[in-house]
Amino acid sequence: MLRERAAMLARIRAWFLAAGLLEVQTPVLSRAAVSDPALESVRGELGDGLPRWLHTSPEFAMKRLLAAGAGDCWQICPVFRDGESGRLHNPEFTLIEWYRVGAGVTAMVAEVERLLRAAVVNRRDLPPARCLTYREALQEFSGVDWRGAGTHEIAGVLAAHGVVPAASTAAWELDDWLDLLMGAVVGPRLGHDAPTFVRDYPASQAALARLRDDGDGWPVGERFELYVDGIELANGFHELCDADEQRRRFECDQQQRLRRGAPLRPLDEHLLAALRHGLPDCAGVALGFDRLVMVALRLPSLADALPFPIDRA
C-alpha cells in the first residue's frame, strides 16, 4: 500500500507539472477557522497562548495566493477535521487541491476526469464519466425532488432505507436532511457503473461558489462532486469572488452555528481582504488522496489506505 501511494503521488505530481501548475505550500495552522456548520476545526495553541486552528482545507490560503497573482496552482497536504471518523473518514487525511484561473465548472469536471485516469492507470480501467444534476441524482436514486421536498417527506424516505438520525433533529434545517439523504442513500449508489459527476447543487449548499439560474428560475451553485464506487472523491467550485457576499455567507454560517449551540470560530479576515483586493475569475477542486488510493486498490475502508489511521497514530 505504501508503494502504491508513492507511485500514485508521483504520477499526480508529474501530471500537474506537465499541466503547468505551480506547486505551493500554505500554513496548516491559522488564527482563523472554517465557519461551515458541517465542519469542525481542530484547535491548537503555541507558546503565546493564542488559539489557533489546523486547517480543514488549504482553500483560504490558496485564494490569497491567487489574489496576489500566483496563477494556476496546486498542492497536496494534510488537513484536519474534528469529529470525523468511520469507514470513509479519519480526522487527519491528505487533500489534493488546485485552482485554474479563467476556468468554470465544465472545464474543471473534464480536468478532474483526466487526473483521475492518470492516477489510477494500471489499476482501474474506468469507463467514460457520467454527469447528473443534483436534482436528477436525488430523483433517480431516492425519488425526492429537492425543489418542493419537505423535511417529513425526506425523513420518510430515509426511514424506508433504514436510515434514522443518531442525534436530535430539533434544530435541523432542510439542508441537513438533504445532506443526510445524499450521504446515506443517494451517494452510495453513484459511480458504480462509471465515475459520476453531480453538479448544480442548491444555492444553500454552495457557500463558496458562484450562483446562477438553472433555467427554470431556481438559483443553483456552480459546484460539483465526483463519485466512484459510491464514494465521494472530489468537490469543486466556480469560486465566489465578491468579498461582501462572502462575508454575508460567513455570517449566515455563524448564525446557524448559534442556533445549533455550536462554538463560533474567528472568520478569516485575510481571505476577505484578498477577495476585496481582487480574486481572479477561477475554479478550484479538492480531491481526497486517501480515498483515491482506496478506490484505485478497491480497499474496504479508508483505514486500509492510510499508513497510520487515527487509532494507531
C-alpha atoms as a PDB file:
ATOM      1  CA  MET A   1       0.000   0.000   0.000  1.00  0.00           C
ATOM      2  CA  LEU A   2       2.845   2.400   0.809  1.00  0.00           C
ATOM      3  CA  ARG A   3       4.437   1.718  -2.575  1.00  0.00           C
ATOM      4  CA  GLU A   4       1.100   2.228  -4.328  1.00  0.00           C
ATOM      5  CA  ARG A   5       0.588   5.553  -2.526  1.00  0.00           C
ATOM      6  CA  ALA A   6       4.064   6.694  -3.504  1.00  0.00           C
ATOM      7  CA  ALA A   7       3.612   5.652  -7.146  1.00  0.00           C
ATOM      8  CA  MET A   8       0.226   7.333  -7.365  1.00  0.00           C
ATOM      9  CA  LEU A   9       1.555  10.528  -5.828  1.00  0.00           C
ATOM     10  CA  ALA A  10       4.464  10.532  -8.296  1.00  0.00           C
ATOM     11  CA  ARG A  11       2.010  10.230 -11.212  1.00  0.00           C
ATOM     12  CA  ILE A  12      -0.144  13.031  -9.816  1.00  0.00           C
ATOM     13  CA  ARG A  13       2.833  15.347  -9.298  1.00  0.00           C
ATOM     14  CA  ALA A  14       4.057  14.606 -12.838  1.00  0.00           C
ATOM     15  CA  TRP A  15       0.565  15.298 -14.185  1.00  0.00           C
ATOM     16  CA  PHE A  16       0.392  18.725 -12.537  1.00  0.00           C
ATOM     17  CA  LEU A  17       3.934  19.558 -13.673  1.00  0.00           C
ATOM     18  CA  ALA A  18       3.037  18.667 -17.263  1.00  0.00           C
ATOM     19  CA  ALA A  19      -0.171  20.710 -16.960  1.00  0.00           C
ATOM     20  CA  GLY A  20       1.864  23.764 -15.979  1.00  0.00           C
ATOM     21  CA  LEU A  21       0.502  24.379 -12.481  1.00  0.00           C
ATOM     22  CA  LEU A  22       2.698  25.831  -9.755  1.00  0.00           C
ATOM     23  CA  GLU A  23       3.103  23.640  -6.660  1.00  0.00           C
ATOM     24  CA  VAL A  24       2.648  25.729  -3.497  1.00  0.00           C
ATOM     25  CA  GLN A  25       2.655  25.272   0.271  1.00  0.00           C
ATOM     26  CA  THR A  26       0.449  27.113   2.752  1.00  0.00           C
ATOM     27  CA  PRO A  27       0.188  27.045   6.572  1.00  0.00           C
ATOM     28  CA  VAL A  28      -1.717  24.248   8.268  1.00  0.00           C
ATOM     29  CA  LEU A  29      -2.108  26.353  11.441  1.00  0.00           C
ATOM     30  CA  SER A  30      -4.073  29.624  11.395  1.00  0.00           C
ATOM     31  CA  ARG A  31      -5.707  32.186  13.688  1.00  0.00           C
ATOM     32  CA  ALA A  32      -8.899  31.755  11.644  1.00  0.00           C
ATOM     33  CA  ALA A  33     -11.089  28.700  11.292  1.00  0.00           C
ATOM     34  CA  VAL A  34     -13.773  27.421   8.974  1.00  0.00           C
ATOM     35  CA  SER A  35     -17.280  28.763   9.633  1.00  0.00           C
ATOM     36  CA  ASP A  36     -19.129  25.952   7.812  1.00  0.00           C
ATOM     37  CA  PRO A  37     -21.591  24.446  10.343  1.00  0.00           C
ATOM     38  CA  ALA A  38     -20.950  20.985   8.886  1.00  0.00           C
ATOM     39  CA  LEU A  39     -17.210  21.111   9.691  1.00  0.00           C
ATOM     40  CA  GLU A  40     -15.259  21.416  12.930  1.00  0.00           C
ATOM     41  CA  SER A  41     -11.683  22.635  13.105  1.00  0.00           C
ATOM     42  CA  VAL A  42      -9.097  21.070  15.417  1.00  0.00           C
ATOM     43  CA  ARG A  43      -7.794  23.619  17.912  1.00  0.00           C
ATOM     44  CA  GLY A  44      -4.133  24.066  18.763  1.00  0.00           C
ATOM     45  CA  GLU A  45      -2.027  26.564  20.699  1.00  0.00           C
ATOM     46  CA  LEU A  46       1.504  27.897  20.515  1.00  0.00           C
ATOM     47  CA  GLY A  47       3.555  29.313  23.361  1.00  0.00           C
ATOM     48  CA  ASP A  48       1.890  32.720  23.087  1.00  0.00           C
ATOM     49  CA  GLY A  49      -1.384  31.207  24.327  1.00  0.00           C
ATOM     50  CA  LEU A  50      -3.425  32.494  21.401  1.00  0.00           C
ATOM     51  CA  PRO A  51      -5.916  29.992  19.987  1.00  0.00           C
ATOM     52  CA  ARG A  52      -5.199  28.669  16.527  1.00  0.00           C
ATOM     53  CA  TRP A  53      -6.815  26.052  14.321  1.00  0.00           C
ATOM     54  CA  LEU A  54      -5.496  23.386  11.979  1.00  0.00           C
ATOM     55  CA  HIS A  55      -6.921  23.937   8.523  1.00  0.00           C
ATOM     56  CA  THR A  56      -9.756  21.801   7.170  1.00  0.00           C
ATOM     57  CA  SER A  57      -8.559  22.660   3.651  1.00  0.00           C
ATOM     58  CA  PRO A  58      -5.848  24.911   2.165  1.00  0.00           C
ATOM     59  CA  GLU A  59      -8.539  26.804   0.218  1.00  0.00           C
ATOM     60  CA  PHE A  60      -8.461  30.148   2.018  1.00  0.00           C
ATOM     61  CA  ALA A  61      -4.677  30.496   1.889  1.00  0.00           C
ATOM     62  CA  MET A  62      -4.515  29.377  -1.750  1.00  0.00           C
ATOM     63  CA  LYS A  63      -7.091  32.001  -2.684  1.00  0.00           C
ATOM     64  CA  ARG A  64      -4.861  34.599  -1.047  1.00  0.00           C
ATOM     65  CA  LEU A  65      -2.045  33.436  -3.322  1.00  0.00           C
ATOM     66  CA  LEU A  66      -4.359  33.662  -6.333  1.00  0.00           C
ATOM     67  CA  ALA A  67      -5.324  37.224  -5.367  1.00  0.00           C
ATOM     68  CA  ALA A  68      -1.606  38.044  -5.143  1.00  0.00           C
ATOM     69  CA  GLY A  69      -1.091  36.857  -8.733  1.00  0.00           C
ATOM     70  CA  ALA A  70       0.247  33.308  -8.284  1.00  0.00           C
ATOM     71  CA  GLY A  71      -1.831  31.970 -11.175  1.00  0.00           C
ATOM     72  CA  ASP A  72      -2.765  28.312 -11.656  1.00  0.00           C
ATOM     73  CA  CYS A  73      -1.531  26.420  -8.601  1.00  0.00           C
ATOM     74  CA  TRP A  74      -1.891  23.176  -6.674  1.00  0.00           C
ATOM     75  CA  GLN A  75      -0.764  21.428  -3.521  1.00  0.00           C
ATOM     76  CA  ILE A  76      -1.072  18.185  -1.614  1.00  0.00           C
ATOM     77  CA  CYS A  77      -1.191  18.467   2.159  1.00  0.00           C
ATOM     78  CA  PRO A  78      -2.565  17.005   5.397  1.00  0.00           C
ATOM     79  CA  VAL A  79      -5.855  18.503   6.597  1.00  0.00           C
ATOM     80  CA  PHE A  80      -7.756  18.045   9.846  1.00  0.00           C
ATOM     81  CA  ARG A  81     -11.460  17.792  10.691  1.00  0.00           C
ATOM     82  CA  ASP A  82     -12.621  17.142  14.212  1.00  0.00           C
ATOM     83  CA  GLY A  83     -15.272  14.502  14.879  1.00  0.00           C
ATOM     84  CA  GLU A  84     -14.892  12.734  11.535  1.00  0.00           C
ATOM     85  CA  SER A  85     -14.170   9.021  11.778  1.00  0.00           C
ATOM     86  CA  GLY A  86     -15.592   5.882  10.207  1.00  0.00           C
ATOM     87  CA  ARG A  87     -15.222   3.701   7.130  1.00  0.00           C
ATOM     88  CA  LEU A  88     -14.664   6.726   4.871  1.00  0.00           C
ATOM     89  CA  HIS A  89     -13.338   9.253   7.391  1.00  0.00           C
ATOM     90  CA  ASN A  90     -10.276   9.958   9.513  1.00  0.00           C
ATOM     91  CA  PRO A  91      -9.654  13.171  11.489  1.00  0.00           C
ATOM     92  CA  GLU A  92      -6.396  13.670   9.558  1.00  0.00           C
ATOM     93  CA  PHE A  93      -6.291  12.954   5.844  1.00  0.00           C
ATOM     94  CA  THR A  94      -4.486  14.060   2.691  1.00  0.00           C
ATOM     95  CA  LEU A  95      -6.046  16.508   0.273  1.00  0.00           C
ATOM     96  CA  ILE A  96      -5.094  17.499  -3.269  1.00  0.00           C
ATOM     97  CA  GLU A  97      -6.344  20.984  -4.079  1.00  0.00           C
ATOM     98  CA  TRP A  98      -5.872  23.067  -7.201  1.00  0.00           C
ATOM     99  CA  TYR A  99      -7.129  26.217  -8.911  1.00  0.00           C
ATOM    100  CA  ARG A 100      -7.383  27.296 -12.525  1.00  0.00           C
ATOM    101  CA  VAL A 101      -7.676  30.973 -13.430  1.00  0.00           C
ATOM    102  CA  GLY A 102     -10.390  31.638 -16.003  1.00  0.00           C
ATOM    103  CA  ALA A 103     -11.939  28.160 -15.683  1.00  0.00           C
ATOM    104  CA  GLY A 104     -15.523  27.201 -14.906  1.00  0.00           C
ATOM    105  CA  VAL A 105     -17.284  24.048 -13.768  1.00  0.00           C
ATOM    106  CA  THR A 106     -17.353  22.327 -17.177  1.00  0.00           C
ATOM    107  CA  ALA A 107     -13.614  22.742 -17.704  1.00  0.00           C
ATOM    108  CA  MET A 108     -12.810  21.540 -14.186  1.00  0.00           C
ATOM    109  CA  VAL A 109     -15.042  18.478 -14.470  1.00  0.00           C
ATOM    110  CA  ALA A 110     -13.115  17.456 -17.594  1.00  0.00           C
ATOM    111  CA  GLU A 111      -9.789  18.091 -15.861  1.00  0.00           C
ATOM    112  CA  VAL A 112     -10.735  16.079 -12.779  1.00  0.00           C
ATOM    113  CA  GLU A 113     -11.639  13.146 -15.003  1.00  0.00           C
ATOM    114  CA  ARG A 114      -8.251  13.350 -16.762  1.00  0.00           C
ATOM    115  CA  LEU A 115      -6.400  13.432 -13.444  1.00  0.00           C
ATOM    116  CA  LEU A 116      -8.465  10.534 -12.114  1.00  0.00           C
ATOM    117  CA  ARG A 117      -7.487   8.350 -15.060  1.00  0.00           C
ATOM    118  CA  ALA A 118      -3.818   9.308 -14.781  1.00  0.00           C
ATOM    119  CA  ALA A 119      -3.811   8.498 -11.058  1.00  0.00           C
ATOM    120  CA  VAL A 120      -5.389   5.028 -11.304  1.00  0.00           C
ATOM    121  CA  VAL A 121      -3.707   3.900 -14.536  1.00  0.00           C
ATOM    122  CA  ASN A 122      -2.785   0.187 -14.461  1.00  0.00           C
ATOM    123  CA  ARG A 123      -5.143  -0.291 -11.508  1.00  0.00           C
ATOM    124  CA  ARG A 124      -8.614   0.652 -12.772  1.00  0.00           C
ATOM    125  CA  ASP A 125      -9.942   0.801 -16.334  1.00  0.00           C
ATOM    126  CA  LEU A 126     -12.757   3.307 -15.889  1.00  0.00           C
ATOM    127  CA  PRO A 127     -15.497   3.909 -18.490  1.00  0.00           C
ATOM    128  CA  PRO A 128     -16.352   7.462 -19.585  1.00  0.00           C
ATOM    129  CA  ALA A 129     -17.797   9.560 -16.788  1.00  0.00           C
ATOM    130  CA  ARG A 130     -21.480  10.295 -16.339  1.00  0.00           C
ATOM    131  CA  CYS A 131     -22.803  13.720 -15.323  1.00  0.00           C
ATOM    132  CA  LEU A 132     -26.043  14.395 -13.422  1.00  0.00           C
ATOM    133  CA  THR A 133     -27.528  17.452 -11.809  1.00  0.00           C
ATOM    134  CA  TYR A 134     -28.113  17.289  -8.071  1.00  0.00           C
ATOM    135  CA  ARG A 135     -31.842  17.249  -8.769  1.00  0.00           C
ATOM    136  CA  GLU A 136     -31.520  14.352 -11.235  1.00  0.00           C
ATOM    137  CA  ALA A 137     -29.370  12.345  -8.826  1.00  0.00           C
ATOM    138  CA  LEU A 138     -31.843  12.709  -5.953  1.00  0.00           C
ATOM    139  CA  GLN A 139     -34.840  11.901  -8.132  1.00  0.00           C
ATOM    140  CA  GLU A 140     -33.197   8.854  -9.719  1.00  0.00           C
ATOM    141  CA  PHE A 141     -31.922   7.265  -6.521  1.00  0.00           C
ATOM    142  CA  SER A 142     -34.368   8.439  -3.861  1.00  0.00           C
ATOM    143  CA  GLY A 143     -37.458   9.764  -5.643  1.00  0.00           C
ATOM    144  CA  VAL A 144     -37.093  13.130  -3.889  1.00  0.00           C
ATOM    145  CA  ASP A 145     -37.273  16.446  -5.750  1.00  0.00           C
ATOM    146  CA  TRP A 146     -35.408  18.944  -3.579  1.00  0.00           C
ATOM    147  CA  ARG A 147     -37.290  21.869  -5.102  1.00  0.00           C
ATOM    148  CA  GLY A 148     -40.501  21.024  -3.292  1.00  0.00           C
ATOM    149  CA  ALA A 149     -39.492  18.443  -0.727  1.00  0.00           C
ATOM    150  CA  GLY A 150     -40.247  18.933   2.946  1.00  0.00           C
ATOM    151  CA  THR A 151     -38.436  17.520   5.943  1.00  0.00           C
ATOM    152  CA  HIS A 152     -41.190  14.999   6.694  1.00  0.00           C
ATOM    153  CA  GLU A 153     -41.012  13.567   3.162  1.00  0.00           C
ATOM    154  CA  ILE A 154     -37.222  13.241   3.335  1.00  0.00           C
ATOM    155  CA  ALA A 155     -37.386  11.684   6.809  1.00  0.00           C
ATOM    156  CA  GLY A 156     -39.854   9.138   5.444  1.00  0.00           C
ATOM    157  CA  VAL A 157     -37.595   8.215   2.529  1.00  0.00           C
ATOM    158  CA  LEU A 158     -34.634   7.876   4.883  1.00  0.00           C
ATOM    159  CA  ALA A 159     -36.649   5.662   7.240  1.00  0.00           C
ATOM    160  CA  ALA A 160     -37.700   3.481   4.289  1.00  0.00           C
ATOM    161  CA  HIS A 161     -33.974   2.912   3.638  1.00  0.00           C
ATOM    162  CA  GLY A 162     -33.328   2.124   7.286  1.00  0.00           C
ATOM    163  CA  VAL A 163     -31.639   5.456   7.997  1.00  0.00           C
ATOM    164  CA  VAL A 164     -32.512   7.151  11.286  1.00  0.00           C
ATOM    165  CA  PRO A 165     -30.551  10.195  12.553  1.00  0.00           C
ATOM    166  CA  ALA A 166     -28.392   9.301  15.545  1.00  0.00           C
ATOM    167  CA  ALA A 167     -28.895  12.666  17.274  1.00  0.00           C
ATOM    168  CA  SER A 168     -31.789  15.044  17.889  1.00  0.00           C
ATOM    169  CA  THR A 169     -33.065  16.752  14.723  1.00  0.00           C
ATOM    170  CA  ALA A 170     -34.885  19.558  16.540  1.00  0.00           C
ATOM    171  CA  ALA A 171     -32.511  22.214  15.187  1.00  0.00           C
ATOM    172  CA  TRP A 172     -32.178  20.677  11.720  1.00  0.00           C
ATOM    173  CA  GLU A 173     -32.989  22.647   8.609  1.00  0.00           C
ATOM    174  CA  LEU A 174     -33.908  21.353   5.155  1.00  0.00           C
ATOM    175  CA  ASP A 175     -30.268  21.228   4.052  1.00  0.00           C
ATOM    176  CA  ASP A 176     -29.384  18.983   6.993  1.00  0.00           C
ATOM    177  CA  TRP A 177     -31.975  16.466   5.817  1.00  0.00           C
ATOM    178  CA  LEU A 178     -30.819  16.767   2.206  1.00  0.00           C
ATOM    179  CA  ASP A 179     -27.196  16.223   3.285  1.00  0.00           C
ATOM    180  CA  LEU A 180     -28.172  13.046   5.114  1.00  0.00           C
ATOM    181  CA  LEU A 181     -30.194  11.867   2.128  1.00  0.00           C
ATOM    182  CA  MET A 182     -27.264  12.430  -0.222  1.00  0.00           C
ATOM    183  CA  GLY A 183     -24.726  10.921   2.171  1.00  0.00           C
ATOM    184  CA  ALA A 184     -26.686   7.846   3.263  1.00  0.00           C
ATOM    185  CA  VAL A 185     -28.949   6.976   0.328  1.00  0.00           C
ATOM    186  CA  VAL A 186     -28.003   8.684  -2.940  1.00  0.00           C
ATOM    187  CA  GLY A 187     -24.218   8.999  -2.796  1.00  0.00           C
ATOM    188  CA  PRO A 188     -23.547   5.304  -2.049  1.00  0.00           C
ATOM    189  CA  ARG A 189     -25.445   4.429  -5.260  1.00  0.00           C
ATOM    190  CA  LEU A 190     -23.428   6.731  -7.505  1.00  0.00           C
ATOM    191  CA  GLY A 191     -20.391   5.876  -9.603  1.00  0.00           C
ATOM    192  CA  HIS A 192     -20.607   2.092  -9.705  1.00  0.00           C
ATOM    193  CA  ASP A 193     -21.023   1.751 -13.472  1.00  0.00           C
ATOM    194  CA  ALA A 194     -18.906   4.804 -14.305  1.00  0.00           C
ATOM    195  CA  PRO A 195     -17.386   7.790 -12.491  1.00  0.00           C
ATOM    196  CA  THR A 196     -20.290  10.152 -11.831  1.00  0.00           C
ATOM    197  CA  PHE A 197     -20.196  13.918 -11.513  1.00  0.00           C
ATOM    198  CA  VAL A 198     -23.055  15.668  -9.703  1.00  0.00           C
ATOM    199  CA  ARG A 199     -23.450  19.400 -10.345  1.00  0.00           C
ATOM    200  CA  ASP A 200     -25.851  22.315  -9.841  1.00  0.00           C
ATOM    201  CA  TYR A 201     -26.328  21.997  -6.079  1.00  0.00           C
ATOM    202  CA  PRO A 202     -28.964  24.087  -4.274  1.00  0.00           C
ATOM    203  CA  ALA A 203     -27.694  27.620  -3.660  1.00  0.00           C
ATOM    204  CA  SER A 204     -27.842  26.992   0.092  1.00  0.00           C
ATOM    205  CA  GLN A 205     -25.233  24.222  -0.315  1.00  0.00           C
ATOM    206  CA  ALA A 206     -22.641  26.283  -2.164  1.00  0.00           C
ATOM    207  CA  ALA A 207     -21.236  28.699   0.421  1.00  0.00           C
ATOM    208  CA  LEU A 208     -18.022  29.363  -1.525  1.00  0.00           C
ATOM    209  CA  ALA A 209     -19.382  29.101  -5.080  1.00  0.00           C
ATOM    210  CA  ARG A 210     -20.971  31.453  -7.548  1.00  0.00           C
ATOM    211  CA  LEU A 211     -24.694  31.142  -8.187  1.00  0.00           C
ATOM    212  CA  ARG A 212     -26.628  31.014 -11.431  1.00  0.00           C
ATOM    213  CA  ASP A 213     -30.161  30.399 -12.641  1.00  0.00           C
ATOM    214  CA  ASP A 214     -30.753  26.764 -13.610  1.00  0.00           C
ATOM    215  CA  GLY A 215     -33.045  27.785 -16.464  1.00  0.00           C
ATOM    216  CA  ASP A 216     -36.251  27.230 -14.501  1.00  0.00           C
ATOM    217  CA  GLY A 217     -35.830  30.206 -12.213  1.00  0.00           C
ATOM    218  CA  TRP A 218     -34.105  28.305  -9.386  1.00  0.00           C
ATOM    219  CA  PRO A 219     -30.714  29.559  -8.138  1.00  0.00           C
ATOM    220  CA  VAL A 220     -28.088  26.821  -8.037  1.00  0.00           C
ATOM    221  CA  GLY A 221     -24.465  26.805  -7.013  1.00  0.00           C
ATOM    222  CA  GLU A 222     -21.757  26.310  -9.613  1.00  0.00           C
ATOM    223  CA  ARG A 223     -20.469  23.341  -7.655  1.00  0.00           C
ATOM    224  CA  PHE A 224     -19.798  19.685  -8.473  1.00  0.00           C
ATOM    225  CA  GLU A 225     -18.786  16.468  -6.757  1.00  0.00           C
ATOM    226  CA  LEU A 226     -17.222  13.282  -8.162  1.00  0.00           C
ATOM    227  CA  TYR A 227     -18.318   9.795  -7.060  1.00  0.00           C
ATOM    228  CA  VAL A 228     -16.642   6.461  -7.799  1.00  0.00           C
ATOM    229  CA  ASP A 229     -17.893   3.206  -6.255  1.00  0.00           C
ATOM    230  CA  GLY A 230     -20.372   5.187  -4.161  1.00  0.00           C
ATOM    231  CA  ILE A 231     -17.544   7.219  -2.606  1.00  0.00           C
ATOM    232  CA  GLU A 232     -17.260  10.989  -2.896  1.00  0.00           C
ATOM    233  CA  LEU A 233     -13.762  11.774  -4.161  1.00  0.00           C
ATOM    234  CA  ALA A 234     -13.801  15.447  -5.129  1.00  0.00           C
ATOM    235  CA  ASN A 235     -15.652  18.693  -4.544  1.00  0.00           C
ATOM    236  CA  GLY A 236     -15.257  21.634  -6.932  1.00  0.00           C
ATOM    237  CA  PHE A 237     -16.497  25.205  -7.296  1.00  0.00           C
ATOM    238  CA  HIS A 238     -16.593  28.115  -9.692  1.00  0.00           C
ATOM    239  CA  GLU A 239     -15.278  30.361  -6.951  1.00  0.00           C
ATOM    240  CA  LEU A 240     -17.124  33.297  -5.443  1.00  0.00           C
ATOM    241  CA  CYS A 241     -15.047  36.482  -5.833  1.00  0.00           C
ATOM    242  CA  ASP A 242     -17.339  39.004  -4.123  1.00  0.00           C
ATOM    243  CA  ALA A 243     -15.935  39.922  -0.683  1.00  0.00           C
ATOM    244  CA  ASP A 244     -19.190  41.418   0.624  1.00  0.00           C
ATOM    245  CA  GLU A 245     -21.238  38.400  -0.430  1.00  0.00           C
ATOM    246  CA  GLN A 246     -18.649  36.025   1.060  1.00  0.00           C
ATOM    247  CA  ARG A 247     -18.788  37.877   4.386  1.00  0.00           C
ATOM    248  CA  ARG A 248     -22.586  37.690   4.335  1.00  0.00           C
ATOM    249  CA  ARG A 249     -22.424  33.927   3.807  1.00  0.00           C
ATOM    250  CA  PHE A 250     -19.864  33.514   6.582  1.00  0.00           C
ATOM    251  CA  GLU A 251     -22.130  35.464   8.922  1.00  0.00           C
ATOM    252  CA  CYS A 252     -25.059  33.219   7.949  1.00  0.00           C
ATOM    253  CA  ASP A 253     -22.858  30.253   8.889  1.00  0.00           C
ATOM    254  CA  GLN A 254     -22.196  31.839  12.276  1.00  0.00           C
ATOM    255  CA  GLN A 255     -25.917  32.378  12.881  1.00  0.00           C
ATOM    256  CA  GLN A 256     -26.572  28.747  12.030  1.00  0.00           C
ATOM    257  CA  ARG A 257     -23.845  27.714  14.490  1.00  0.00           C
ATOM    258  CA  LEU A 258     -25.522  29.781  17.183  1.00  0.00           C
ATOM    259  CA  ARG A 259     -28.865  28.103  16.542  1.00  0.00           C
ATOM    260  CA  ARG A 260     -27.220  24.695  16.881  1.00  0.00           C
ATOM    261  CA  GLY A 261     -25.281  25.604  20.001  1.00  0.00           C
ATOM    262  CA  ALA A 262     -22.000  25.071  18.148  1.00  0.00           C
ATOM    263  CA  PRO A 263     -18.956  27.204  19.020  1.00  0.00           C
ATOM    264  CA  LEU A 264     -18.279  30.295  16.930  1.00  0.00           C
ATOM    265  CA  ARG A 265     -14.931  30.460  15.153  1.00  0.00           C
ATOM    266  CA  PRO A 266     -12.967  33.560  14.079  1.00  0.00           C
ATOM    267  CA  LEU A 267     -13.518  34.420  10.429  1.00  0.00           C
ATOM    268  CA  ASP A 268     -10.578  34.598   8.051  1.00  0.00           C
ATOM    269  CA  GLU A 269     -10.237  38.347   7.596  1.00  0.00           C
ATOM    270  CA  HIS A 270      -7.112  37.820   5.470  1.00  0.00           C
ATOM    271  CA  LEU A 271      -9.217  35.899   2.943  1.00  0.00           C
ATOM    272  CA  LEU A 272     -11.902  38.582   2.895  1.00  0.00           C
ATOM    273  CA  ALA A 273      -9.225  41.243   2.374  1.00  0.00           C
ATOM    274  CA  ALA A 274      -7.787  39.201  -0.507  1.00  0.00           C
ATOM    275  CA  LEU A 275     -11.223  38.950  -2.121  1.00  0.00           C
ATOM    276  CA  ARG A 276     -11.638  42.695  -1.771  1.00  0.00           C
ATOM    277  CA  HIS A 277      -8.207  43.216  -3.339  1.00  0.00           C
ATOM    278  CA  GLY A 278      -9.352  41.077  -6.255  1.00  0.00           C
ATOM    279  CA  LEU A 279      -9.592  37.327  -6.694  1.00  0.00           C
ATOM    280  CA  PRO A 280      -9.350  36.464 -10.400  1.00  0.00           C
ATOM    281  CA  ASP A 281     -12.158  34.522 -12.034  1.00  0.00           C
ATOM    282  CA  CYS A 282     -11.231  30.941 -11.195  1.00  0.00           C
ATOM    283  CA  ALA A 283     -12.425  27.459 -10.305  1.00  0.00           C
ATOM    284  CA  GLY A 284     -10.988  25.087  -7.731  1.00  0.00           C
ATOM    285  CA  VAL A 285     -11.183  21.437  -6.735  1.00  0.00           C
ATOM    286  CA  ALA A 286     -10.387  19.490  -3.569  1.00  0.00           C
ATOM    287  CA  LEU A 287      -9.769  15.751  -4.071  1.00  0.00           C
ATOM    288  CA  GLY A 288      -9.228  13.259  -1.251  1.00  0.00           C
ATOM    289  CA  PHE A 289      -5.969  11.432  -1.941  1.00  0.00           C
ATOM    290  CA  ASP A 290      -6.543   8.646   0.593  1.00  0.00           C
ATOM    291  CA  ARG A 291      -9.980   7.913  -0.852  1.00  0.00           C
ATOM    292  CA  LEU A 292      -8.403   7.881  -4.305  1.00  0.00           C
ATOM    293  CA  VAL A 293      -5.967   5.200  -3.093  1.00  0.00           C
ATOM    294  CA  MET A 294      -8.892   3.302  -1.578  1.00  0.00           C
ATOM    295  CA  VAL A 295     -10.791   3.375  -4.876  1.00  0.00           C
ATOM    296  CA  ALA A 296      -7.767   2.537  -7.021  1.00  0.00           C
ATOM    297  CA  LEU A 297      -6.920  -0.532  -4.927  1.00  0.00           C
ATOM    298  CA  ARG A 298     -10.559  -1.439  -4.099  1.00  0.00           C
ATOM    299  CA  LEU A 299      -9.838  -1.315  -0.378  1.00  0.00           C
ATOM    300  CA  PRO A 300     -12.729  -1.843   2.072  1.00  0.00           C
ATOM    301  CA  SER A 301     -12.080   1.222   4.246  1.00  0.00           C
ATOM    302  CA  LEU A 302     -10.073   4.410   4.435  1.00  0.00           C
ATOM    303  CA  ALA A 303      -8.002   2.953   7.284  1.00  0.00           C
ATOM    304  CA  ASP A 304      -6.660   0.377   4.815  1.00  0.00           C
ATOM    305  CA  ALA A 305      -5.345   3.220   2.619  1.00  0.00           C
ATOM    306  CA  LEU A 306      -3.569   5.030   5.469  1.00  0.00           C
ATOM    307  CA  PRO A 307      -0.156   4.221   6.959  1.00  0.00           C
ATOM    308  CA  PHE A 308      -1.411   5.347  10.385  1.00  0.00           C
ATOM    309  CA  PRO A 309      -5.177   5.726  10.904  1.00  0.00           C
ATOM    310  CA  ILE A 310      -6.166   7.698  13.990  1.00  0.00           C
ATOM    311  CA  ASP A 311      -6.308   4.703  16.327  1.00  0.00           C
ATOM    312  CA  ARG A 312      -2.635   3.938  15.551  1.00  0.00           C
ATOM    313  CA  ALA A 313      -1.365   7.499  15.143  1.00  0.00           C
END
